[in-house]
Amino acid sequence: MNCFTCGSNHMIETSTIYVEKLKSGILIVKNVPCRKCSQCGEEFFSMATMKEIEKLSRQAEDIISEVMIIDYTRAA
């Protein structure tokens, strides 16, 4: 896979922190698996990971008050 931003083919498997502003607060998901470009630093998520994040976001929207931190490896 090449980086969509810079075109580099130097992608590494790693994990990152995903932050999303919801209506009721801020959701922080740590340890999210991703591919990261070693040249420009752009991060890319698989479709399965994005679907799981969307599911976590929907669940968090109902219970979050200000800030919620979720560990992806425990919640997915």
N, C-alpha and C. Protein backbone atom coordinates (compact mmCIF):
# COMPACT_ATOMS: atom_id res chain seq x y z
N MET A 1 0.84 -1.18 0.00
CA MET A 1 0.00 0.00 0.00
C MET A 1 0.88 1.24 0.00
N ASN A 2 0.56 2.17 -0.86
CA ASN A 2 1.27 3.45 -0.89
C ASN A 2 0.48 4.49 -0.11
N CYS A 3 1.19 5.45 0.43
CA CYS A 3 0.57 6.55 1.16
C CYS A 3 -0.27 7.39 0.20
N PHE A 4 -1.51 7.68 0.59
CA PHE A 4 -2.39 8.48 -0.25
C PHE A 4 -1.97 9.95 -0.25
N THR A 5 -1.22 10.37 0.77
CA THR A 5 -0.82 11.76 0.89
C THR A 5 0.45 12.07 0.11
N CYS A 6 1.52 11.28 0.32
CA CYS A 6 2.80 11.60 -0.32
C CYS A 6 3.24 10.57 -1.36
N GLY A 7 2.56 9.42 -1.43
CA GLY A 7 2.90 8.41 -2.42
C GLY A 7 3.97 7.43 -1.99
N SER A 8 4.55 7.62 -0.82
CA SER A 8 5.60 6.73 -0.33
C SER A 8 5.06 5.31 -0.15
N ASN A 9 5.93 4.33 -0.35
CA ASN A 9 5.52 2.95 -0.11
C ASN A 9 6.12 2.41 1.19
N HIS A 10 6.53 3.30 2.05
CA HIS A 10 7.12 2.91 3.34
C HIS A 10 6.08 3.06 4.45
N MET A 11 5.20 2.07 4.53
CA MET A 11 4.14 2.06 5.54
C MET A 11 4.51 1.06 6.63
N ILE A 12 4.26 1.45 7.88
CA ILE A 12 4.55 0.55 8.99
C ILE A 12 3.26 0.26 9.77
N GLU A 13 3.15 -0.96 10.26
CA GLU A 13 2.02 -1.35 11.12
C GLU A 13 2.33 -0.84 12.52
N THR A 14 1.39 -0.10 13.09
CA THR A 14 1.58 0.45 14.42
C THR A 14 0.22 0.70 15.06
N SER A 15 0.18 1.45 16.12
CA SER A 15 -1.10 1.85 16.71
C SER A 15 -1.04 3.34 17.01
N THR A 16 -2.22 3.93 17.19
CA THR A 16 -2.30 5.37 17.39
C THR A 16 -3.45 5.71 18.32
N ILE A 17 -3.63 6.98 18.57
CA ILE A 17 -4.76 7.48 19.35
C ILE A 17 -5.73 8.16 18.38
N TYR A 18 -7.00 7.79 18.48
CA TYR A 18 -8.04 8.37 17.63
C TYR A 18 -8.89 9.28 18.52
N VAL A 19 -9.10 10.52 18.07
CA VAL A 19 -9.89 11.49 18.83
C VAL A 19 -11.04 11.97 17.96
N GLU A 20 -12.24 11.98 18.55
CA GLU A 20 -13.42 12.43 17.81
C GLU A 20 -14.28 13.30 18.72
N LYS A 21 -14.72 14.44 18.19
CA LYS A 21 -15.63 15.31 18.92
C LYS A 21 -17.06 14.85 18.63
N LEU A 22 -17.76 14.46 19.69
CA LEU A 22 -19.15 14.04 19.59
C LEU A 22 -20.04 15.16 20.09
N LYS A 23 -21.35 15.01 19.94
CA LYS A 23 -22.28 16.03 20.41
C LYS A 23 -22.17 16.24 21.92
N SER A 24 -21.98 15.15 22.64
CA SER A 24 -22.00 15.23 24.10
C SER A 24 -20.61 15.28 24.75
N GLY A 25 -19.55 15.25 23.98
CA GLY A 25 -18.22 15.29 24.56
C GLY A 25 -17.15 14.85 23.57
N ILE A 26 -16.01 14.47 24.10
CA ILE A 26 -14.88 14.05 23.27
C ILE A 26 -14.58 12.59 23.56
N LEU A 27 -14.45 11.81 22.49
CA LEU A 27 -14.10 10.40 22.60
C LEU A 27 -12.63 10.24 22.22
N ILE A 28 -11.88 9.58 23.08
CA ILE A 28 -10.48 9.25 22.82
C ILE A 28 -10.37 7.74 22.83
N VAL A 29 -9.88 7.19 21.73
CA VAL A 29 -9.68 5.74 21.64
C VAL A 29 -8.19 5.51 21.48
N LYS A 30 -7.58 4.83 22.44
CA LYS A 30 -6.14 4.59 22.38
C LYS A 30 -5.85 3.19 21.87
N ASN A 31 -4.64 2.96 21.40
CA ASN A 31 -4.18 1.67 20.88
C ASN A 31 -4.95 1.21 19.65
N VAL A 32 -5.30 2.14 18.78
CA VAL A 32 -6.03 1.80 17.56
C VAL A 32 -5.02 1.34 16.50
N PRO A 33 -5.19 0.13 15.94
CA PRO A 33 -4.25 -0.34 14.92
C PRO A 33 -4.36 0.52 13.65
N CYS A 34 -3.21 0.81 13.06
CA CYS A 34 -3.19 1.60 11.84
C CYS A 34 -1.93 1.30 11.04
N ARG A 35 -1.91 1.83 9.84
CA ARG A 35 -0.69 1.85 9.03
C ARG A 35 -0.25 3.29 8.97
N LYS A 36 1.04 3.53 9.21
CA LYS A 36 1.55 4.89 9.27
C LYS A 36 2.69 5.05 8.26
N CYS A 37 2.62 6.13 7.51
CA CYS A 37 3.67 6.43 6.53
C CYS A 37 4.92 6.88 7.27
N SER A 38 6.03 6.23 7.02
CA SER A 38 7.27 6.60 7.70
C SER A 38 7.87 7.88 7.10
N GLN A 39 7.36 8.31 5.97
CA GLN A 39 7.88 9.53 5.35
C GLN A 39 7.14 10.78 5.83
N CYS A 40 5.81 10.78 5.75
CA CYS A 40 5.04 11.99 6.09
C CYS A 40 4.26 11.87 7.39
N GLY A 41 4.12 10.65 7.93
CA GLY A 41 3.43 10.46 9.20
C GLY A 41 1.93 10.27 9.10
N GLU A 42 1.38 10.32 7.90
CA GLU A 42 -0.07 10.13 7.72
C GLU A 42 -0.47 8.73 8.20
N GLU A 43 -1.62 8.64 8.88
CA GLU A 43 -2.10 7.37 9.41
C GLU A 43 -3.34 6.92 8.65
N PHE A 44 -3.43 5.62 8.43
CA PHE A 44 -4.55 5.04 7.69
C PHE A 44 -5.12 3.87 8.49
N PHE A 45 -6.46 3.80 8.53
CA PHE A 45 -7.17 2.74 9.24
C PHE A 45 -7.80 1.80 8.23
N SER A 46 -7.83 0.51 8.57
CA SER A 46 -8.53 -0.46 7.73
C SER A 46 -10.02 -0.22 7.83
N MET A 47 -10.77 -0.76 6.89
CA MET A 47 -12.23 -0.63 6.90
C MET A 47 -12.80 -1.28 8.16
N ALA A 48 -12.27 -2.43 8.56
CA ALA A 48 -12.75 -3.12 9.77
C ALA A 48 -12.51 -2.26 11.01
N THR A 49 -11.36 -1.63 11.09
CA THR A 49 -11.05 -0.76 12.22
C THR A 49 -11.99 0.44 12.24
N MET A 50 -12.24 1.05 11.09
CA MET A 50 -13.15 2.20 11.03
C MET A 50 -14.57 1.80 11.44
N LYS A 51 -15.01 0.63 11.04
CA LYS A 51 -16.35 0.17 11.43
C LYS A 51 -16.43 0.00 12.95
N GLU A 52 -15.38 -0.53 13.54
CA GLU A 52 -15.35 -0.71 14.99
C GLU A 52 -15.32 0.65 15.70
N ILE A 53 -14.57 1.60 15.19
CA ILE A 53 -14.54 2.94 15.77
C ILE A 53 -15.92 3.60 15.67
N GLU A 54 -16.59 3.43 14.53
CA GLU A 54 -17.94 3.98 14.37
C GLU A 54 -18.90 3.38 15.39
N LYS A 55 -18.77 2.08 15.63
CA LYS A 55 -19.61 1.40 16.62
C LYS A 55 -19.33 1.96 18.01
N LEU A 56 -18.06 2.13 18.36
CA LEU A 56 -17.69 2.69 19.65
C LEU A 56 -18.20 4.12 19.79
N SER A 57 -18.16 4.89 18.71
CA SER A 57 -18.65 6.27 18.73
C SER A 57 -20.14 6.33 19.00
N ARG A 58 -20.89 5.45 18.35
CA ARG A 58 -22.35 5.42 18.56
C ARG A 58 -22.68 5.05 20.01
N GLN A 59 -21.94 4.09 20.55
CA GLN A 59 -22.18 3.68 21.94
C GLN A 59 -21.79 4.79 22.91
N ALA A 60 -20.68 5.45 22.65
CA ALA A 60 -20.20 6.51 23.54
C ALA A 60 -21.12 7.71 23.52
N GLU A 61 -21.74 8.00 22.39
CA GLU A 61 -22.62 9.16 22.27
C GLU A 61 -23.74 9.13 23.31
N ASP A 62 -24.20 7.95 23.66
CA ASP A 62 -25.31 7.81 24.61
C ASP A 62 -24.87 7.92 26.07
N ILE A 63 -23.59 7.68 26.36
CA ILE A 63 -23.19 7.63 27.77
C ILE A 63 -22.10 8.64 28.14
N ILE A 64 -21.51 9.30 27.18
CA ILE A 64 -20.41 10.22 27.46
C ILE A 64 -20.94 11.50 28.11
N SER A 65 -20.17 12.05 29.04
CA SER A 65 -20.57 13.31 29.64
C SER A 65 -19.65 14.44 29.17
N GLU A 66 -18.38 14.27 29.26
CA GLU A 66 -17.42 15.28 28.78
C GLU A 66 -16.33 14.62 27.94
N VAL A 67 -15.57 13.72 28.57
CA VAL A 67 -14.47 13.04 27.90
C VAL A 67 -14.54 11.56 28.23
N MET A 68 -14.41 10.72 27.22
CA MET A 68 -14.38 9.28 27.43
C MET A 68 -13.14 8.72 26.76
N ILE A 69 -12.41 7.88 27.49
CA ILE A 69 -11.21 7.25 26.94
C ILE A 69 -11.45 5.75 26.91
N ILE A 70 -11.27 5.16 25.72
CA ILE A 70 -11.49 3.73 25.52
C ILE A 70 -10.21 3.11 24.99
N ASP A 71 -9.86 1.94 25.47
CA ASP A 71 -8.73 1.18 24.93
C ASP A 71 -9.27 0.27 23.85
N TYR A 72 -8.88 0.50 22.60
CA TYR A 72 -9.38 -0.25 21.46
C TYR A 72 -9.15 -1.75 21.65
N THR A 73 -7.98 -2.12 22.17
CA THR A 73 -7.65 -3.54 22.29
C THR A 73 -8.57 -4.27 23.28
N ARG A 74 -9.18 -3.53 24.18
CA ARG A 74 -10.12 -4.14 25.14
C ARG A 74 -11.56 -4.05 24.67
N ALA A 75 -11.88 -3.04 23.85
CA ALA A 75 -13.27 -2.80 23.46
C ALA A 75 -13.64 -3.42 22.13
N ALA A 76 -12.69 -3.65 21.27
CA ALA A 76 -12.99 -4.17 19.92
C ALA A 76 -13.14 -5.67 19.93
